Amino acid sequence: MAKFMQKMLPDGPDGTLEQVSLVDRANVVSGDPDERAALFFSKKGVTAGVWECGAYKERIENRPIEEMCVVLSGEVTLSTDDGASETYGPGDSFLFRRGFTGYWETRGRFRKYFFSAS
């Protein structure tokens, strides 16, 4: 690997995703996040990696970070309290913005690349 370049692989830099618990279980409305992830980079509030979860629905209040996502597999629906809703699937990229209030819902296994900043 070149010193200043790194290919982001869908199974993480070492070829495996580790079990993690990033979702606040108190906010889970239904299902089981069953999360796995691998980080490519994390420094000073900026993180890049790959994250996967199972089927679940989560209530999010005033999201504290900015995040850019690229969907690798599965689908996620984001819906706000005012009725706006968007579904993203494989190949879609989206910004998941600081301040978001509403629901995150996956109906099956879901995997994404992410780049976040707090």
PDB file of N, CA and C in Angstrom:
ATOM      1  N   MET A   1       0.842  -1.183   0.000  1.00  0.00           N
ATOM      2  CA  MET A   1       0.000   0.000   0.000  1.00  0.00           C
ATOM      3  C   MET A   1       0.885   1.243   0.000  1.00  0.00           C
ATOM      4  N   ALA A   2       0.544   2.196  -0.827  1.00  0.00           N
ATOM      5  CA  ALA A   2       1.283   3.456  -0.884  1.00  0.00           C
ATOM      6  C   ALA A   2       1.043   4.250   0.399  1.00  0.00           C
ATOM      7  N   LYS A   3       2.018   5.023   0.790  1.00  0.00           N
ATOM      8  CA  LYS A   3       1.959   5.761   2.043  1.00  0.00           C
ATOM      9  C   LYS A   3       0.774   6.722   2.119  1.00  0.00           C
ATOM     10  N   PHE A   4       0.421   7.373   1.019  1.00  0.00           N
ATOM     11  CA  PHE A   4      -0.621   8.401   1.046  1.00  0.00           C
ATOM     12  C   PHE A   4      -1.882   8.002   0.291  1.00  0.00           C
ATOM     13  N   MET A   5      -2.052   6.719   0.004  1.00  0.00           N
ATOM     14  CA  MET A   5      -3.243   6.236  -0.694  1.00  0.00           C
ATOM     15  C   MET A   5      -3.693   4.938  -0.054  1.00  0.00           C
ATOM     16  N   GLN A   6      -4.998   4.730  -0.046  1.00  0.00           N
ATOM     17  CA  GLN A   6      -5.526   3.472   0.477  1.00  0.00           C
ATOM     18  C   GLN A   6      -6.856   3.187  -0.207  1.00  0.00           C
ATOM     19  N   LYS A   7      -6.953   2.038  -0.799  1.00  0.00           N
ATOM     20  CA  LYS A   7      -8.203   1.632  -1.426  1.00  0.00           C
ATOM     21  C   LYS A   7      -9.171   1.220  -0.322  1.00  0.00           C
ATOM     22  N   MET A   8     -10.403   1.712  -0.398  1.00  0.00           N
ATOM     23  CA  MET A   8     -11.418   1.338   0.576  1.00  0.00           C
ATOM     24  C   MET A   8     -12.116   0.084   0.078  1.00  0.00           C
ATOM     25  N   LEU A   9     -11.857  -1.029   0.738  1.00  0.00           N
ATOM     26  CA  LEU A   9     -12.440  -2.310   0.370  1.00  0.00           C
ATOM     27  C   LEU A   9     -13.724  -2.543   1.163  1.00  0.00           C
ATOM     28  N   PRO A  10     -14.726  -3.202   0.577  1.00  0.00           N
ATOM     29  CA  PRO A  10     -16.015  -3.367   1.249  1.00  0.00           C
ATOM     30  C   PRO A  10     -15.980  -4.233   2.503  1.00  0.00           C
ATOM     31  N   ASP A  11     -14.893  -4.978   2.714  1.00  0.00           N
ATOM     32  CA  ASP A  11     -14.746  -5.773   3.930  1.00  0.00           C
ATOM     33  C   ASP A  11     -13.717  -5.190   4.886  1.00  0.00           C
ATOM     34  N   GLY A  12     -13.371  -3.912   4.702  1.00  0.00           N
ATOM     35  CA  GLY A  12     -12.425  -3.254   5.587  1.00  0.00           C
ATOM     36  C   GLY A  12     -10.986  -3.488   5.172  1.00  0.00           C
ATOM     37  N   PRO A  13     -10.047  -2.759   5.768  1.00  0.00           N
ATOM     38  CA  PRO A  13      -8.642  -2.843   5.368  1.00  0.00           C
ATOM     39  C   PRO A  13      -8.000  -4.202   5.633  1.00  0.00           C
ATOM     40  N   ASP A  14      -8.517  -4.960   6.599  1.00  0.00           N
ATOM     41  CA  ASP A  14      -7.952  -6.268   6.924  1.00  0.00           C
ATOM     42  C   ASP A  14      -8.826  -7.422   6.449  1.00  0.00           C
ATOM     43  N   GLY A  15      -9.891  -7.111   5.709  1.00  0.00           N
ATOM     44  CA  GLY A  15     -10.757  -8.147   5.163  1.00  0.00           C
ATOM     45  C   GLY A  15     -11.828  -8.685   6.100  1.00  0.00           C
ATOM     46  N   THR A  16     -11.979  -8.055   7.258  1.00  0.00           N
ATOM     47  CA  THR A  16     -13.024  -8.478   8.191  1.00  0.00           C
ATOM     48  C   THR A  16     -13.676  -7.279   8.858  1.00  0.00           C
ATOM     49  N   LEU A  17     -14.949  -7.426   9.142  1.00  0.00           N
ATOM     50  CA  LEU A  17     -15.665  -6.419   9.919  1.00  0.00           C
ATOM     51  C   LEU A  17     -15.833  -6.969  11.330  1.00  0.00           C
ATOM     52  N   GLU A  18     -15.531  -6.146  12.312  1.00  0.00           N
ATOM     53  CA  GLU A  18     -15.633  -6.551  13.713  1.00  0.00           C
ATOM     54  C   GLU A  18     -16.998  -6.168  14.276  1.00  0.00           C
ATOM     55  N   GLN A  19     -17.488  -6.962  15.211  1.00  0.00           N
ATOM     56  CA  GLN A  19     -18.735  -6.640  15.906  1.00  0.00           C
ATOM     57  C   GLN A  19     -18.543  -5.331  16.657  1.00  0.00           C
ATOM     58  N   VAL A  20     -19.482  -4.400  16.506  1.00  0.00           N
ATOM     59  CA  VAL A  20     -19.433  -3.117  17.206  1.00  0.00           C
ATOM     60  C   VAL A  20     -20.820  -2.815  17.763  1.00  0.00           C
ATOM     61  N   SER A  21     -20.894  -1.789  18.591  1.00  0.00           N
ATOM     62  CA  SER A  21     -22.168  -1.344  19.142  1.00  0.00           C
ATOM     63  C   SER A  21     -22.173   0.182  19.145  1.00  0.00           C
ATOM     64  N   LEU A  22     -22.460   0.760  17.985  1.00  0.00           N
ATOM     65  CA  LEU A  22     -22.464   2.214  17.841  1.00  0.00           C
ATOM     66  C   LEU A  22     -23.863   2.807  17.991  1.00  0.00           C
ATOM     67  N   VAL A  23     -24.878   2.025  17.668  1.00  0.00           N
ATOM     68  CA  VAL A  23     -26.261   2.482  17.782  1.00  0.00           C
ATOM     69  C   VAL A  23     -26.672   2.460  19.252  1.00  0.00           C
ATOM     70  N   ASP A  24     -27.255   3.566  19.713  1.00  0.00           N
ATOM     71  CA  ASP A  24     -27.765   3.636  21.082  1.00  0.00           C
ATOM     72  C   ASP A  24     -29.020   2.770  21.165  1.00  0.00           C
ATOM     73  N   ARG A  25     -28.932   1.657  21.872  1.00  0.00           N
ATOM     74  CA  ARG A  25     -30.047   0.699  21.947  1.00  0.00           C
ATOM     75  C   ARG A  25     -31.316   1.333  22.523  1.00  0.00           C
ATOM     76  N   ALA A  26     -31.177   2.381  23.310  1.00  0.00           N
ATOM     77  CA  ALA A  26     -32.351   3.065  23.868  1.00  0.00           C
ATOM     78  C   ALA A  26     -33.193   3.716  22.774  1.00  0.00           C
ATOM     79  N   ASN A  27     -32.583   3.964  21.602  1.00  0.00           N
ATOM     80  CA  ASN A  27     -33.288   4.615  20.497  1.00  0.00           C
ATOM     81  C   ASN A  27     -33.836   3.631  19.468  1.00  0.00           C
ATOM     82  N   VAL A  28     -33.585   2.338  19.659  1.00  0.00           N
ATOM     83  CA  VAL A  28     -34.061   1.327  18.705  1.00  0.00           C
ATOM     84  C   VAL A  28     -35.554   1.098  18.931  1.00  0.00           C
ATOM     85  N   VAL A  29     -36.326   1.296  17.866  1.00  0.00           N
ATOM     86  CA  VAL A  29     -37.780   1.145  17.903  1.00  0.00           C
ATOM     87  C   VAL A  29     -38.165  -0.309  17.642  1.00  0.00           C
ATOM     88  N   SER A  30     -37.455  -0.939  16.704  1.00  0.00           N
ATOM     89  CA  SER A  30     -37.732  -2.344  16.383  1.00  0.00           C
ATOM     90  C   SER A  30     -36.507  -2.975  15.746  1.00  0.00           C
ATOM     91  N   GLY A  31     -36.453  -4.314  15.770  1.00  0.00           N
ATOM     92  CA  GLY A  31     -35.359  -5.042  15.139  1.00  0.00           C
ATOM     93  C   GLY A  31     -34.099  -5.084  15.982  1.00  0.00           C
ATOM     94  N   ASP A  32     -33.008  -5.496  15.332  1.00  0.00           N
ATOM     95  CA  ASP A  32     -31.704  -5.645  15.991  1.00  0.00           C
ATOM     96  C   ASP A  32     -30.616  -5.125  15.064  1.00  0.00           C
ATOM     97  N   PRO A  33     -29.920  -4.047  15.462  1.00  0.00           N
ATOM     98  CA  PRO A  33     -28.885  -3.484  14.583  1.00  0.00           C
ATOM     99  C   PRO A  33     -27.793  -4.479  14.186  1.00  0.00           C
ATOM    100  N   ASP A  34     -27.412  -5.398  15.063  1.00  0.00           N
ATOM    101  CA  ASP A  34     -26.390  -6.404  14.755  1.00  0.00           C
ATOM    102  C   ASP A  34     -25.279  -5.801  13.896  1.00  0.00           C
ATOM    103  N   GLU A  35     -24.558  -4.852  14.470  1.00  0.00           N
ATOM    104  CA  GLU A  35     -23.587  -4.036  13.736  1.00  0.00           C
ATOM    105  C   GLU A  35     -22.204  -4.664  13.615  1.00  0.00           C
ATOM    106  N   ARG A  36     -21.563  -4.372  12.497  1.00  0.00           N
ATOM    107  CA  ARG A  36     -20.168  -4.730  12.258  1.00  0.00           C
ATOM    108  C   ARG A  36     -19.519  -3.545  11.536  1.00  0.00           C
ATOM    109  N   ALA A  37     -18.228  -3.349  11.762  1.00  0.00           N
ATOM    110  CA  ALA A  37     -17.553  -2.210  11.129  1.00  0.00           C
ATOM    111  C   ALA A  37     -16.054  -2.431  11.052  1.00  0.00           C
ATOM    112  N   ALA A  38     -15.428  -1.625  10.226  1.00  0.00           N
ATOM    113  CA  ALA A  38     -13.968  -1.535  10.143  1.00  0.00           C
ATOM    114  C   ALA A  38     -13.627  -0.097   9.805  1.00  0.00           C
ATOM    115  N   LEU A  39     -12.596   0.422  10.437  1.00  0.00           N
ATOM    116  CA  LEU A  39     -12.171   1.796  10.184  1.00  0.00           C
ATOM    117  C   LEU A  39     -10.962   1.824   9.255  1.00  0.00           C
ATOM    118  N   PHE A  40     -10.981   2.785   8.358  1.00  0.00           N
ATOM    119  CA  PHE A  40      -9.828   3.055   7.511  1.00  0.00           C
ATOM    120  C   PHE A  40      -9.021   4.206   8.087  1.00  0.00           C
ATOM    121  N   PHE A  41      -9.705   5.107   8.824  1.00  0.00           N
ATOM    122  CA  PHE A  41      -9.065   6.315   9.316  1.00  0.00           C
ATOM    123  C   PHE A  41      -9.911   6.905  10.437  1.00  0.00           C
ATOM    124  N   SER A  42      -9.269   7.387  11.482  1.00  0.00           N
ATOM    125  CA  SER A  42      -9.969   8.111  12.539  1.00  0.00           C
ATOM    126  C   SER A  42      -8.979   9.042  13.222  1.00  0.00           C
ATOM    127  N   LYS A  43      -9.267  10.334  13.152  1.00  0.00           N
ATOM    128  CA  LYS A  43      -8.357  11.317  13.746  1.00  0.00           C
ATOM    129  C   LYS A  43      -9.087  12.640  13.944  1.00  0.00           C
ATOM    130  N   LYS A  44      -9.005  13.183  15.140  1.00  0.00           N
ATOM    131  CA  LYS A  44      -9.554  14.501  15.461  1.00  0.00           C
ATOM    132  C   LYS A  44     -11.009  14.674  15.023  1.00  0.00           C
ATOM    133  N   GLY A  45     -11.856  13.699  15.347  1.00  0.00           N
ATOM    134  CA  GLY A  45     -13.285  13.810  15.059  1.00  0.00           C
ATOM    135  C   GLY A  45     -13.688  13.491  13.634  1.00  0.00           C
ATOM    136  N   VAL A  46     -12.736  13.042  12.812  1.00  0.00           N
ATOM    137  CA  VAL A  46     -13.027  12.668  11.422  1.00  0.00           C
ATOM    138  C   VAL A  46     -12.765  11.174  11.287  1.00  0.00           C
ATOM    139  N   THR A  47     -13.744  10.439  10.731  1.00  0.00           N
ATOM    140  CA  THR A  47     -13.642   8.986  10.639  1.00  0.00           C
ATOM    141  C   THR A  47     -14.102   8.507   9.271  1.00  0.00           C
ATOM    142  N   ALA A  48     -13.402   7.529   8.722  1.00  0.00           N
ATOM    143  CA  ALA A  48     -13.791   6.890   7.461  1.00  0.00           C
ATOM    144  C   ALA A  48     -13.770   5.386   7.673  1.00  0.00           C
ATOM    145  N   GLY A  49     -14.796   4.711   7.155  1.00  0.00           N
ATOM    146  CA  GLY A  49     -14.832   3.266   7.322  1.00  0.00           C
ATOM    147  C   GLY A  49     -15.958   2.618   6.559  1.00  0.00           C
ATOM    148  N   VAL A  50     -16.207   1.377   6.913  1.00  0.00           N
ATOM    149  CA  VAL A  50     -17.315   0.610   6.355  1.00  0.00           C
ATOM    150  C   VAL A  50     -18.122   0.103   7.544  1.00  0.00           C
ATOM    151  N   TRP A  51     -19.457   0.170   7.436  1.00  0.00           N
ATOM    152  CA  TRP A  51     -20.355  -0.216   8.527  1.00  0.00           C
ATOM    153  C   TRP A  51     -21.482  -1.046   7.958  1.00  0.00           C
ATOM    154  N   GLU A  52     -21.880  -2.059   8.704  1.00  0.00           N
ATOM    155  CA  GLU A  52     -22.957  -2.952   8.280  1.00  0.00           C
ATOM    156  C   GLU A  52     -23.901  -3.161   9.454  1.00  0.00           C
ATOM    157  N   CYS A  53     -25.176  -3.342   9.141  1.00  0.00           N
ATOM    158  CA  CYS A  53     -26.152  -3.603  10.198  1.00  0.00           C
ATOM    159  C   CYS A  53     -27.230  -4.554   9.697  1.00  0.00           C
ATOM    160  N   GLY A  54     -28.021  -5.048  10.641  1.00  0.00           N
ATOM    161  CA  GLY A  54     -29.177  -5.877  10.322  1.00  0.00           C
ATOM    162  C   GLY A  54     -30.416  -5.015  10.173  1.00  0.00           C
ATOM    163  N   ALA A  55     -31.559  -5.667  10.049  1.00  0.00           N
ATOM    164  CA  ALA A  55     -32.838  -4.967   9.915  1.00  0.00           C
ATOM    165  C   ALA A  55     -33.229  -4.364  11.255  1.00  0.00           C
ATOM    166  N   TYR A  56     -33.444  -3.048  11.270  1.00  0.00           N
ATOM    167  CA  TYR A  56     -33.892  -2.371  12.487  1.00  0.00           C
ATOM    168  C   TYR A  56     -34.380  -0.971  12.152  1.00  0.00           C
ATOM    169  N   LYS A  57     -35.069  -0.363  13.123  1.00  0.00           N
ATOM    170  CA  LYS A  57     -35.540   1.022  13.000  1.00  0.00           C
ATOM    171  C   LYS A  57     -35.103   1.761  14.251  1.00  0.00           C
ATOM    172  N   GLU A  58     -34.572   2.954  14.031  1.00  0.00           N
ATOM    173  CA  GLU A  58     -34.014   3.760  15.119  1.00  0.00           C
ATOM    174  C   GLU A  58     -34.574   5.169  15.070  1.00  0.00           C
ATOM    175  N   ARG A  59     -34.894   5.719  16.223  1.00  0.00           N
ATOM    176  CA  ARG A  59     -35.309   7.115  16.350  1.00  0.00           C
ATOM    177  C   ARG A  59     -34.051   7.940  16.613  1.00  0.00           C
ATOM    178  N   ILE A  60     -33.851   8.994  15.825  1.00  0.00           N
ATOM    179  CA  ILE A  60     -32.685   9.864  15.979  1.00  0.00           C
ATOM    180  C   ILE A  60     -33.170  11.268  16.288  1.00  0.00           C
ATOM    181  N   GLU A  61     -32.618  11.855  17.331  1.00  0.00           N
ATOM    182  CA  GLU A  61     -32.964  13.216  17.747  1.00  0.00           C
ATOM    183  C   GLU A  61     -31.746  14.113  17.604  1.00  0.00           C
ATOM    184  N   ASN A  62     -31.848  15.138  16.781  1.00  0.00           N
ATOM    185  CA  ASN A  62     -30.801  16.149  16.647  1.00  0.00           C
ATOM    186  C   ASN A  62     -29.413  15.521  16.457  1.00  0.00           C
ATOM    187  N   ARG A  63     -29.254  14.816  15.376  1.00  0.00           N
ATOM    188  CA  ARG A  63     -28.011  14.092  15.061  1.00  0.00           C
ATOM    189  C   ARG A  63     -26.792  14.996  15.272  1.00  0.00           C
ATOM    190  N   PRO A  64     -25.768  14.518  16.008  1.00  0.00           N
ATOM    191  CA  PRO A  64     -24.639  15.383  16.357  1.00  0.00           C
ATOM    192  C   PRO A  64     -23.493  15.434  15.338  1.00  0.00           C
ATOM    193  N   ILE A  65     -23.522  14.627  14.269  1.00  0.00           N
ATOM    194  CA  ILE A  65     -22.403  14.609  13.322  1.00  0.00           C
ATOM    195  C   ILE A  65     -22.878  14.803  11.881  1.00  0.00           C
ATOM    196  N   GLU A  66     -21.935  15.156  11.026  1.00  0.00           N
ATOM    197  CA  GLU A  66     -22.145  15.199   9.576  1.00  0.00           C
ATOM    198  C   GLU A  66     -21.573  13.898   9.019  1.00  0.00           C
ATOM    199  N   GLU A  67     -22.258  13.305   8.034  1.00  0.00           N
ATOM    200  CA  GLU A  67     -21.775  12.042   7.485  1.00  0.00           C
ATOM    201  C   GLU A  67     -22.114  11.935   6.008  1.00  0.00           C
ATOM    202  N   MET A  68     -21.153  11.489   5.238  1.00  0.00           N
ATOM    203  CA  MET A  68     -21.357  11.178   3.822  1.00  0.00           C
ATOM    204  C   MET A  68     -21.346   9.669   3.722  1.00  0.00           C
ATOM    205  N   CYS A  69     -22.361   9.100   3.050  1.00  0.00           N
ATOM    206  CA  CYS A  69     -22.508   7.651   2.952  1.00  0.00           C
ATOM    207  C   CYS A  69     -22.571   7.216   1.492  1.00  0.00           C
ATOM    208  N   VAL A  70     -22.015   6.051   1.220  1.00  0.00           N
ATOM    209  CA  VAL A  70     -22.139   5.389  -0.083  1.00  0.00           C
ATOM    210  C   VAL A  70     -22.670   3.987   0.209  1.00  0.00           C
ATOM    211  N   VAL A  71     -23.861   3.679  -0.299  1.00  0.00           N
ATOM    212  CA  VAL A  71     -24.490   2.386  -0.023  1.00  0.00           C
ATOM    213  C   VAL A  71     -23.827   1.294  -0.861  1.00  0.00           C
ATOM    214  N   LEU A  72     -23.373   0.246  -0.192  1.00  0.00           N
ATOM    215  CA  LEU A  72     -22.771  -0.904  -0.862  1.00  0.00           C
ATOM    216  C   LEU A  72     -23.795  -2.002  -1.110  1.00  0.00           C
ATOM    217  N   SER A  73     -24.659  -2.248  -0.122  1.00  0.00           N
ATOM    218  CA  SER A  73     -25.704  -3.267  -0.278  1.00  0.00           C
ATOM    219  C   SER A  73     -26.859  -2.964   0.665  1.00  0.00           C
ATOM    220  N   GLY A  74     -28.034  -3.454   0.302  1.00  0.00           N
ATOM    221  CA  GLY A  74     -29.227  -3.223   1.095  1.00  0.00           C
ATOM    222  C   GLY A  74     -29.830  -1.862   0.823  1.00  0.00           C
ATOM    223  N   GLU A  75     -30.808  -1.506   1.631  1.00  0.00           N
ATOM    224  CA  GLU A  75     -31.480  -0.208   1.510  1.00  0.00           C
ATOM    225  C   GLU A  75     -31.713   0.379   2.891  1.00  0.00           C
ATOM    226  N   VAL A  76     -31.713   1.709   2.946  1.00  0.00           N
ATOM    227  CA  VAL A  76     -32.053   2.430   4.163  1.00  0.00           C
ATOM    228  C   VAL A  76     -33.068   3.512   3.791  1.00  0.00           C
ATOM    229  N   THR A  77     -34.047   3.702   4.660  1.00  0.00           N
ATOM    230  CA  THR A  77     -35.009   4.789   4.491  1.00  0.00           C
ATOM    231  C   THR A  77     -34.833   5.750   5.646  1.00  0.00           C
ATOM    232  N   LEU A  78     -34.642   7.021   5.311  1.00  0.00           N
ATOM    233  CA  LEU A  78     -34.566   8.092   6.298  1.00  0.00           C
ATOM    234  C   LEU A  78     -35.865   8.880   6.185  1.00  0.00           C
ATOM    235  N   SER A  79     -36.543   9.095   7.304  1.00  0.00           N
ATOM    236  CA  SER A  79     -37.786   9.858   7.276  1.00  0.00           C
ATOM    237  C   SER A  79     -37.787  10.864   8.413  1.00  0.00           C
ATOM    238  N   THR A  80     -38.252  12.052   8.104  1.00  0.00           N
ATOM    239  CA  THR A  80     -38.287  13.132   9.083  1.00  0.00           C
ATOM    240  C   THR A  80     -39.691  13.262   9.665  1.00  0.00           C
ATOM    241  N   ASP A  81     -39.783  13.977  10.765  1.00  0.00           N
ATOM    242  CA  ASP A  81     -41.063  14.152  11.438  1.00  0.00           C
ATOM    243  C   ASP A  81     -42.070  14.943  10.604  1.00  0.00           C
ATOM    244  N   ASP A  82     -41.589  15.736   9.645  1.00  0.00           N
ATOM    245  CA  ASP A  82     -42.506  16.514   8.814  1.00  0.00           C
ATOM    246  C   ASP A  82     -43.001  15.736   7.594  1.00  0.00           C
ATOM    247  N   GLY A  83     -42.655  14.439   7.523  1.00  0.00           N
ATOM    248  CA  GLY A  83     -43.181  13.589   6.461  1.00  0.00           C
ATOM    249  C   GLY A  83     -42.254  13.354   5.278  1.00  0.00           C
ATOM    250  N   ALA A  84     -41.111  14.018   5.226  1.00  0.00           N
ATOM    251  CA  ALA A  84     -40.160  13.786   4.134  1.00  0.00           C
ATOM    252  C   ALA A  84     -39.513  12.420   4.321  1.00  0.00           C
ATOM    253  N   SER A  85     -39.304  11.704   3.206  1.00  0.00           N
ATOM    254  CA  SER A  85     -38.723  10.371   3.285  1.00  0.00           C
ATOM    255  C   SER A  85     -37.906  10.101   2.026  1.00  0.00           C
ATOM    256  N   GLU A  86     -36.742   9.497   2.200  1.00  0.00           N
ATOM    257  CA  GLU A  86     -35.883   9.105   1.073  1.00  0.00           C
ATOM    258  C   GLU A  86     -35.346   7.713   1.343  1.00  0.00           C
ATOM    259  N   THR A  87     -35.306   6.893   0.289  1.00  0.00           N
ATOM    260  CA  THR A  87     -34.729   5.557   0.387  1.00  0.00           C
ATOM    261  C   THR A  87     -33.492   5.504  -0.496  1.00  0.00           C
ATOM    262  N   TYR A  88     -32.413   4.945   0.040  1.00  0.00           N
ATOM    263  CA  TYR A  88     -31.142   4.852  -0.671  1.00  0.00           C
ATOM    264  C   TYR A  88     -30.747   3.385  -0.787  1.00  0.00           C
ATOM    265  N   GLY A  89     -30.234   3.007  -1.976  1.00  0.00           N
ATOM    266  CA  GLY A  89     -29.825   1.634  -2.231  1.00  0.00           C
ATOM    267  C   GLY A  89     -28.436   1.568  -2.826  1.00  0.00           C
ATOM    268  N   PRO A  90     -28.013   0.381  -3.246  1.00  0.00           N
ATOM    269  CA  PRO A  90     -26.657   0.180  -3.760  1.00  0.00           C
ATOM    270  C   PRO A  90     -26.260   1.192  -4.831  1.00  0.00           C
ATOM    271  N   GLY A  91     -25.094   1.807  -4.616  1.00  0.00           N
ATOM    272  CA  GLY A  91     -24.575   2.804  -5.549  1.00  0.00           C
ATOM    273  C   GLY A  91     -24.977   4.225  -5.210  1.00  0.00           C
ATOM    274  N   ASP A  92     -25.984   4.405  -4.362  1.00  0.00           N
ATOM    275  CA  ASP A  92     -26.411   5.758  -3.979  1.00  0.00           C
ATOM    276  C   ASP A  92     -25.441   6.351  -2.961  1.00  0.00           C
ATOM    277  N   SER A  93     -25.242   7.649  -3.072  1.00  0.00           N
ATOM    278  CA  SER A  93     -24.473   8.418  -2.096  1.00  0.00           C
ATOM    279  C   SER A  93     -25.410   9.447  -1.494  1.00  0.00           C
ATOM    280  N   PHE A  94     -25.250   9.705  -0.205  1.00  0.00           N
ATOM    281  CA  PHE A  94     -26.102  10.717   0.420  1.00  0.00           C
ATOM    282  C   PHE A  94     -25.401  11.351   1.612  1.00  0.00           C
ATOM    283  N   LEU A  95     -25.849  12.557   1.941  1.00  0.00           N
ATOM    284  CA  LEU A  95     -25.378  13.253   3.131  1.00  0.00           C
ATOM    285  C   LEU A  95     -26.395  13.044   4.234  1.00  0.00           C
ATOM    286  N   PHE A  96     -25.929  12.615   5.377  1.00  0.00           N
ATOM    287  CA  PHE A  96     -26.756  12.410   6.560  1.00  0.00           C
ATOM    288  C   PHE A  96     -26.334  13.519   7.519  1.00  0.00           C
ATOM    289  N   ARG A  97     -27.126  14.578   7.583  1.00  0.00           N
ATOM    290  CA  ARG A  97     -26.695  15.844   8.163  1.00  0.00           C
ATOM    291  C   ARG A  97     -26.868  15.966   9.674  1.00  0.00           C
ATOM    292  N   ARG A  98     -25.982  16.778  10.232  1.00  0.00           N
ATOM    293  CA  ARG A  98     -26.070  17.169  11.638  1.00  0.00           C
ATOM    294  C   ARG A  98     -27.440  17.846  11.833  1.00  0.00           C
ATOM    295  N   GLY A  99     -28.085  17.547  12.942  1.00  0.00           N
ATOM    296  CA  GLY A  99     -29.378  18.159  13.244  1.00  0.00           C
ATOM    297  C   GLY A  99     -30.576  17.326  12.797  1.00  0.00           C
ATOM    298  N   PHE A 100     -30.336  16.254  12.022  1.00  0.00           N
ATOM    299  CA  PHE A 100     -31.439  15.406  11.556  1.00  0.00           C
ATOM    300  C   PHE A 100     -32.232  14.881  12.747  1.00  0.00           C
ATOM    301  N   THR A 101     -33.557  14.944  12.638  1.00  0.00           N
ATOM    302  CA  THR A 101     -34.454  14.330  13.609  1.00  0.00           C
ATOM    303  C   THR A 101     -35.469  13.514  12.830  1.00  0.00           C
ATOM    304  N   GLY A 102     -35.586  12.246  13.177  1.00  0.00           N
ATOM    305  CA  GLY A 102     -36.513  11.361  12.484  1.00  0.00           C
ATOM    306  C   GLY A 102     -36.118   9.910  12.681  1.00  0.00           C
ATOM    307  N   TYR A 103     -36.298   9.107  11.620  1.00  0.00           N
ATOM    308  CA  TYR A 103     -36.060   7.663  11.712  1.00  0.00           C
ATOM    309  C   TYR A 103     -35.083   7.176  10.655  1.00  0.00           C
ATOM    310  N   TRP A 104     -34.267   6.224  11.048  1.00  0.00           N
ATOM    311  CA  TRP A 104     -33.381   5.445  10.177  1.00  0.00           C
ATOM    312  C   TRP A 104     -33.959   4.043  10.173  1.00  0.00           C
ATOM    313  N   GLU A 105     -34.225   3.471   8.984  1.00  0.00           N
ATOM    314  CA  GLU A 105     -34.804   2.133   8.948  1.00  0.00           C
ATOM    315  C   GLU A 105     -34.195   1.296   7.828  1.00  0.00           C
ATOM    316  N   THR A 106     -33.697   0.120   8.199  1.00  0.00           N
ATOM    317  CA  THR A 106     -33.236  -0.867   7.229  1.00  0.00           C
ATOM    318  C   THR A 106     -34.147  -2.081   7.370  1.00  0.00           C
ATOM    319  N   ARG A 107     -34.434  -2.733   6.230  1.00  0.00           N
ATOM    320  CA  ARG A 107     -35.351  -3.873   6.266  1.00  0.00           C
ATOM    321  C   ARG A 107     -34.622  -5.210   6.060  1.00  0.00           C
ATOM    322  N   GLY A 108     -33.323  -5.162   5.955  1.00  0.00           N
ATOM    323  CA  GLY A 108     -32.481  -6.339   5.777  1.00  0.00           C
ATOM    324  C   GLY A 108     -31.046  -5.936   6.041  1.00  0.00           C
ATOM    325  N   ARG A 109     -30.078  -6.784   5.716  1.00  0.00           N
ATOM    326  CA  ARG A 109     -28.673  -6.412   5.887  1.00  0.00           C
ATOM    327  C   ARG A 109     -28.393  -5.176   5.040  1.00  0.00           C
ATOM    328  N   PHE A 110     -27.603  -4.284   5.597  1.00  0.00           N
ATOM    329  CA  PHE A 110     -27.266  -3.012   4.957  1.00  0.00           C
ATOM    330  C   PHE A 110     -25.787  -2.759   5.192  1.00  0.00           C
ATOM    331  N   ARG A 111     -25.075  -2.303   4.148  1.00  0.00           N
ATOM    332  CA  ARG A 111     -23.653  -1.984   4.280  1.00  0.00           C
ATOM    333  C   ARG A 111     -23.358  -0.683   3.549  1.00  0.00           C
ATOM    334  N   LYS A 112     -22.510   0.136   4.163  1.00  0.00           N
ATOM    335  CA  LYS A 112     -22.146   1.436   3.571  1.00  0.00           C
ATOM    336  C   LYS A 112     -20.698   1.778   3.868  1.00  0.00           C
ATOM    337  N   TYR A 113     -20.109   2.582   2.970  1.00  0.00           N
ATOM    338  CA  TYR A 113     -18.896   3.310   3.285  1.00  0.00           C
ATOM    339  C   TYR A 113     -19.375   4.595   3.961  1.00  0.00           C
ATOM    340  N   PHE A 114     -18.600   5.103   4.892  1.00  0.00           N
ATOM    341  CA  PHE A 114     -18.957   6.373   5.516  1.00  0.00           C
ATOM    342  C   PHE A 114     -17.715   7.230   5.756  1.00  0.00           C
ATOM    343  N   PHE A 115     -17.960   8.521   5.787  1.00  0.00           N
ATOM    344  CA  PHE A 115     -16.961   9.507   6.143  1.00  0.00           C
ATOM    345  C   PHE A 115     -17.687  10.500   7.019  1.00  0.00           C
ATOM    346  N   SER A 116     -17.297  10.589   8.290  1.00  0.00           N
ATOM    347  CA  SER A 116     -18.033  11.437   9.222  1.00  0.00           C
ATOM    348  C   SER A 116     -17.122  12.445   9.921  1.00  0.00           C
ATOM    349  N   ALA A 117     -17.736  13.537  10.333  1.00  0.00           N
ATOM    350  CA  ALA A 117     -17.029  14.593  11.067  1.00  0.00           C
ATOM    351  C   ALA A 117     -17.929  15.097  12.170  1.00  0.00           C
ATOM    352  N   SER A 118     -17.345  15.202  13.365  1.00  0.00           N
ATOM    353  CA  SER A 118     -18.128  15.698  14.500  1.00  0.00           C
ATOM    354  C   SER A 118     -17.891  17.184  14.695  1.00  0.00           C
TER     355      SER A 118
END
